[in-house]
Amino acid sequence: MTRADWVHAARRTLVDEGVGQVKVAVLAEQLGVARSSFYWYFTDRDDLLAGLLDEWEAHNTAPLVERAERPAGSVAAALLQVFECWADPELFDAPLEFAVRDWARRDPTVRARLAAADSTRIDALAAMHRRFGDDRHRALVRARVHYHSQIGLYALGVSESDAERLRLLPAYLEVLTGAPADPAELAAFARMVRRLERRAPTARTPG
C-alpha cells in the first residue's frame, strides 16, 4: 500500500460518487486495509483532498500545457499536438474534470484552484498562437474559443463517431487557426486515433 494507492482510490470515488464519499473509512474498505494505515501517508482528510487536486492537475493540466509548448512546424501542427489531449483519456480525463468542477461548485478553495487551472490552460493555448504570429488579442480569443468549446462539448455529452470527428477535423483546424492543415499531418493524427481505439474504446477525437 502506498500514498498513490489512496489517491487513486480517492480519484475513483470522486468520479463515481462525488467528493462527499471521499472518506477515510470508505477508501479503507475499498482498499481492504485498516483505517489507521491512512495516517502513514496523510495527516488528515484535507491532506488527501489536496493530493487529489494535485493528481487532477498533473493529469489534466500538465499534458495540455506541455503539448501547447512543444515545437511544431505550423500552427495547425501545434494544435494537433494539443488535440492529442482531447483524443486520449490518459492525457485528459473528462470524468475526473467534471467531478472536480462539480466539487468546485460547493468549495470556494477548489473553485479558485479550478479557475487558476482554466487560466493556465488558456494562457498556454494563447502563447502557442502568439508563437505563430497572432497578436495578443487574437491569440486569446482563439484560445478561449478552442478551450471553452471543447469543455462545452464534454459538458453537453456530445456523442459522435471518431470517423465523423476526423471528417470534420480539417474544418475545426482551419476555424481555430485560420490556416489549413497539411494532409500528411491529418493522416498522422488519424493513425494516432486508430491506435488509441485499439488500446481503449473510450479514447475520443476532438471537436
Protein backbone atom coordinates (compact mmCIF):
# COMPACT_ATOMS: atom_id res chain seq x y z
CA MET A 1 0.00 0.00 0.00
CA THR A 2 1.31 3.46 -0.94
CA ARG A 3 0.17 7.09 -0.84
CA ALA A 4 -0.59 6.81 -4.55
CA ASP A 5 -2.96 3.89 -3.89
CA TRP A 6 -5.00 6.05 -1.54
CA VAL A 7 -5.06 8.94 -4.01
CA HIS A 8 -6.11 6.68 -6.88
CA ALA A 9 -8.90 5.20 -4.75
CA ALA A 10 -10.00 8.72 -3.86
CA ARG A 11 -9.97 9.65 -7.53
CA ARG A 12 -12.21 6.72 -8.48
CA THR A 13 -14.60 7.57 -5.66
CA LEU A 14 -14.68 11.25 -6.58
CA VAL A 15 -15.63 10.39 -10.16
CA ASP A 16 -18.16 7.68 -9.28
CA GLU A 17 -19.77 9.10 -6.14
CA GLY A 18 -18.66 12.68 -5.58
CA VAL A 19 -16.38 14.29 -3.03
CA GLY A 20 -18.81 13.61 -0.18
CA GLN A 21 -17.91 9.93 -0.33
CA VAL A 22 -14.16 10.54 -0.35
CA LYS A 23 -13.86 9.43 3.27
CA VAL A 24 -11.11 7.57 5.04
CA ALA A 25 -13.40 4.74 6.16
CA VAL A 26 -14.90 4.30 2.69
CA LEU A 27 -11.49 4.21 1.00
CA ALA A 28 -10.02 1.85 3.60
CA GLU A 29 -12.84 -0.59 2.93
CA GLN A 30 -12.31 -0.34 -0.83
CA LEU A 31 -8.60 -0.96 -0.41
CA GLY A 32 -9.07 -3.74 2.10
CA VAL A 33 -6.81 -2.14 4.71
CA ALA A 34 -7.17 -0.83 8.24
CA ARG A 35 -8.29 2.77 8.53
CA SER A 36 -5.28 3.52 10.71
CA SER A 37 -2.92 2.84 7.78
CA PHE A 38 -4.20 6.05 6.16
CA TYR A 39 -2.22 8.08 8.68
CA TRP A 40 1.08 6.65 7.50
CA TYR A 41 0.62 8.79 4.37
CA PHE A 42 -1.70 11.70 5.24
CA THR A 43 -2.20 13.95 8.22
CA ASP A 44 -5.97 14.13 7.70
CA ARG A 45 -8.70 14.04 5.04
CA ASP A 46 -7.84 17.58 3.90
CA ASP A 47 -4.33 16.37 3.13
CA LEU A 48 -5.81 13.61 0.97
CA LEU A 49 -8.10 16.06 -0.84
CA ALA A 50 -5.11 18.30 -1.57
CA GLY A 51 -3.31 15.28 -3.03
CA LEU A 52 -6.37 14.51 -5.11
CA LEU A 53 -6.32 18.01 -6.61
CA ASP A 54 -2.61 17.64 -7.32
CA GLU A 55 -3.43 14.40 -9.16
CA TRP A 56 -6.11 16.17 -11.22
CA GLU A 57 -3.77 18.99 -12.22
CA ALA A 58 -0.96 16.58 -13.10
CA HIS A 59 -3.34 14.56 -15.26
CA ASN A 60 -5.48 17.24 -16.90
CA THR A 61 -3.45 20.45 -16.95
CA ALA A 62 0.21 19.47 -17.26
CA PRO A 63 -0.17 17.41 -20.50
CA LEU A 64 -2.14 20.17 -22.22
CA VAL A 65 0.42 22.82 -21.30
CA GLU A 66 3.31 20.55 -22.33
CA ARG A 67 1.79 19.90 -25.75
CA ALA A 68 0.94 23.56 -26.31
CA GLU A 69 4.61 24.37 -25.68
CA ARG A 70 6.04 21.70 -27.98
CA PRO A 71 7.85 22.87 -31.12
CA ALA A 72 5.87 22.50 -34.35
CA GLY A 73 6.33 23.42 -37.98
CA SER A 74 2.96 25.17 -38.30
CA VAL A 75 0.12 26.39 -36.13
CA ALA A 76 -2.09 23.55 -37.38
CA ALA A 77 0.58 21.02 -36.40
CA ALA A 78 0.88 22.68 -32.99
CA LEU A 79 -2.87 22.48 -32.46
CA LEU A 80 -2.94 18.83 -33.47
CA GLN A 81 -0.47 18.17 -30.67
CA VAL A 82 -2.91 19.75 -28.23
CA PHE A 83 -5.74 17.73 -29.75
CA GLU A 84 -3.94 14.61 -28.55
CA CYS A 85 -5.17 15.58 -25.07
CA TRP A 86 -8.77 15.62 -26.22
CA ALA A 87 -8.34 12.32 -28.04
CA ASP A 88 -6.51 10.38 -25.32
CA PRO A 89 -8.15 9.96 -21.89
CA GLU A 90 -4.73 9.21 -20.43
CA LEU A 91 -3.84 12.84 -21.22
CA PHE A 92 -7.16 14.43 -20.26
CA ASP A 93 -9.68 12.57 -18.09
CA ALA A 94 -13.06 14.19 -18.78
CA PRO A 95 -14.99 12.37 -15.98
CA LEU A 96 -12.33 13.48 -13.49
CA GLU A 97 -12.52 17.03 -14.85
CA PHE A 98 -16.23 17.28 -14.29
CA ALA A 99 -16.07 15.63 -10.90
CA VAL A 100 -13.67 18.41 -9.87
CA ARG A 101 -15.92 21.04 -11.47
CA ASP A 102 -18.89 19.72 -9.53
CA TRP A 103 -16.79 19.77 -6.35
CA ALA A 104 -15.80 23.37 -7.08
CA ARG A 105 -19.44 24.44 -7.04
CA ARG A 106 -19.52 23.62 -3.31
CA ASP A 107 -16.00 24.58 -2.22
CA PRO A 108 -14.55 28.07 -2.79
CA THR A 109 -10.97 26.83 -2.38
CA VAL A 110 -11.44 24.25 -5.12
CA ARG A 111 -13.27 26.84 -7.23
CA ALA A 112 -10.25 29.14 -7.03
CA ARG A 113 -7.92 26.32 -7.97
CA LEU A 114 -10.12 25.38 -10.92
CA ALA A 115 -10.18 28.99 -12.11
CA ALA A 116 -6.39 29.07 -11.93
CA ALA A 117 -6.15 25.84 -13.94
CA ASP A 118 -8.53 27.19 -16.59
CA SER A 119 -6.39 30.33 -16.86
CA THR A 120 -3.18 28.29 -17.11
CA ARG A 121 -4.61 26.17 -19.91
CA ILE A 122 -5.96 29.13 -21.87
CA ASP A 123 -2.72 31.07 -21.40
CA ALA A 124 -0.75 28.11 -22.79
CA LEU A 125 -3.00 27.93 -25.85
CA ALA A 126 -2.79 31.68 -26.39
CA ALA A 127 1.00 31.60 -26.14
CA MET A 128 1.03 28.85 -28.75
CA HIS A 129 -0.97 31.04 -31.17
CA ARG A 130 1.29 34.02 -30.50
CA ARG A 131 4.32 31.94 -31.48
CA PHE A 132 2.76 31.59 -34.92
CA GLY A 133 2.04 35.27 -35.48
CA ASP A 134 -1.27 36.11 -33.83
CA ASP A 135 -1.35 39.32 -31.83
CA ARG A 136 -2.20 39.09 -28.15
CA HIS A 137 -5.94 39.71 -28.53
CA ARG A 138 -6.48 37.36 -31.46
CA ALA A 139 -4.43 34.65 -29.75
CA LEU A 140 -6.50 34.96 -26.58
CA VAL A 141 -9.78 34.77 -28.48
CA ARG A 142 -8.66 31.70 -30.44
CA ALA A 143 -7.54 30.05 -27.20
CA ARG A 144 -10.83 30.80 -25.45
CA VAL A 145 -12.96 29.61 -28.37
CA HIS A 146 -10.96 26.38 -28.56
CA TYR A 147 -10.91 25.65 -24.84
CA HIS A 148 -14.44 26.72 -23.98
CA SER A 149 -15.93 24.84 -26.92
CA GLN A 150 -14.09 21.63 -26.01
CA ILE A 151 -15.09 21.80 -22.35
CA GLY A 152 -18.63 22.60 -23.51
CA LEU A 153 -18.71 19.53 -25.73
CA TYR A 154 -17.72 17.40 -22.76
CA ALA A 155 -20.33 19.09 -20.57
CA LEU A 156 -23.08 18.54 -23.14
CA GLY A 157 -22.12 14.92 -23.62
CA VAL A 158 -21.89 15.35 -27.39
CA SER A 159 -21.51 11.92 -28.95
CA GLU A 160 -20.10 11.49 -32.44
CA SER A 161 -18.19 8.66 -34.03
CA ASP A 162 -14.46 9.02 -34.42
CA ALA A 163 -14.97 8.79 -38.18
CA GLU A 164 -17.26 11.82 -38.11
CA ARG A 165 -14.92 13.78 -35.89
CA LEU A 166 -11.96 13.03 -38.11
CA ARG A 167 -14.01 14.07 -41.15
CA LEU A 168 -14.66 17.45 -39.51
CA LEU A 169 -11.14 17.86 -38.15
CA PRO A 170 -9.74 19.89 -41.10
CA ALA A 171 -12.58 22.40 -40.71
CA TYR A 172 -12.03 22.65 -36.95
CA LEU A 173 -8.35 23.31 -37.50
CA GLU A 174 -8.98 25.98 -40.10
CA VAL A 175 -11.57 27.72 -37.92
CA LEU A 176 -9.32 27.66 -34.85
CA THR A 177 -6.08 28.63 -36.59
CA GLY A 178 -7.05 30.45 -39.78
CA ALA A 179 -4.80 28.09 -41.73
CA PRO A 180 -5.35 24.74 -43.42
CA ALA A 181 -3.71 21.61 -42.09
CA ASP A 182 -1.23 19.61 -44.10
CA PRO A 183 -2.80 16.33 -45.34
CA ALA A 184 0.19 14.39 -44.03
CA GLU A 185 -0.32 15.89 -40.53
CA LEU A 186 -4.00 14.96 -40.63
CA ALA A 187 -3.15 11.43 -41.71
CA ALA A 188 -0.64 11.06 -38.86
CA PHE A 189 -3.25 12.25 -36.37
CA ALA A 190 -5.82 9.81 -37.73
CA ARG A 191 -3.32 6.96 -37.31
CA MET A 192 -2.80 8.02 -33.70
CA VAL A 193 -6.56 7.96 -33.08
CA ARG A 194 -6.84 4.48 -34.57
CA ARG A 195 -4.05 3.30 -32.26
CA LEU A 196 -5.98 4.72 -29.32
CA GLU A 197 -9.13 2.94 -30.47
CA ARG A 198 -7.29 -0.36 -30.35
CA ARG A 199 -5.89 0.45 -26.91
CA ALA A 200 -9.05 1.81 -25.28
CA PRO A 201 -12.53 2.31 -26.74
CA THR A 202 -13.08 5.41 -24.58
CA ALA A 203 -10.50 7.45 -26.49
CA ARG A 204 -12.18 10.41 -28.21
CA THR A 205 -11.19 12.71 -31.06
CA PRO A 206 -11.58 16.46 -30.55
CA GLY A 207 -14.41 18.62 -31.77
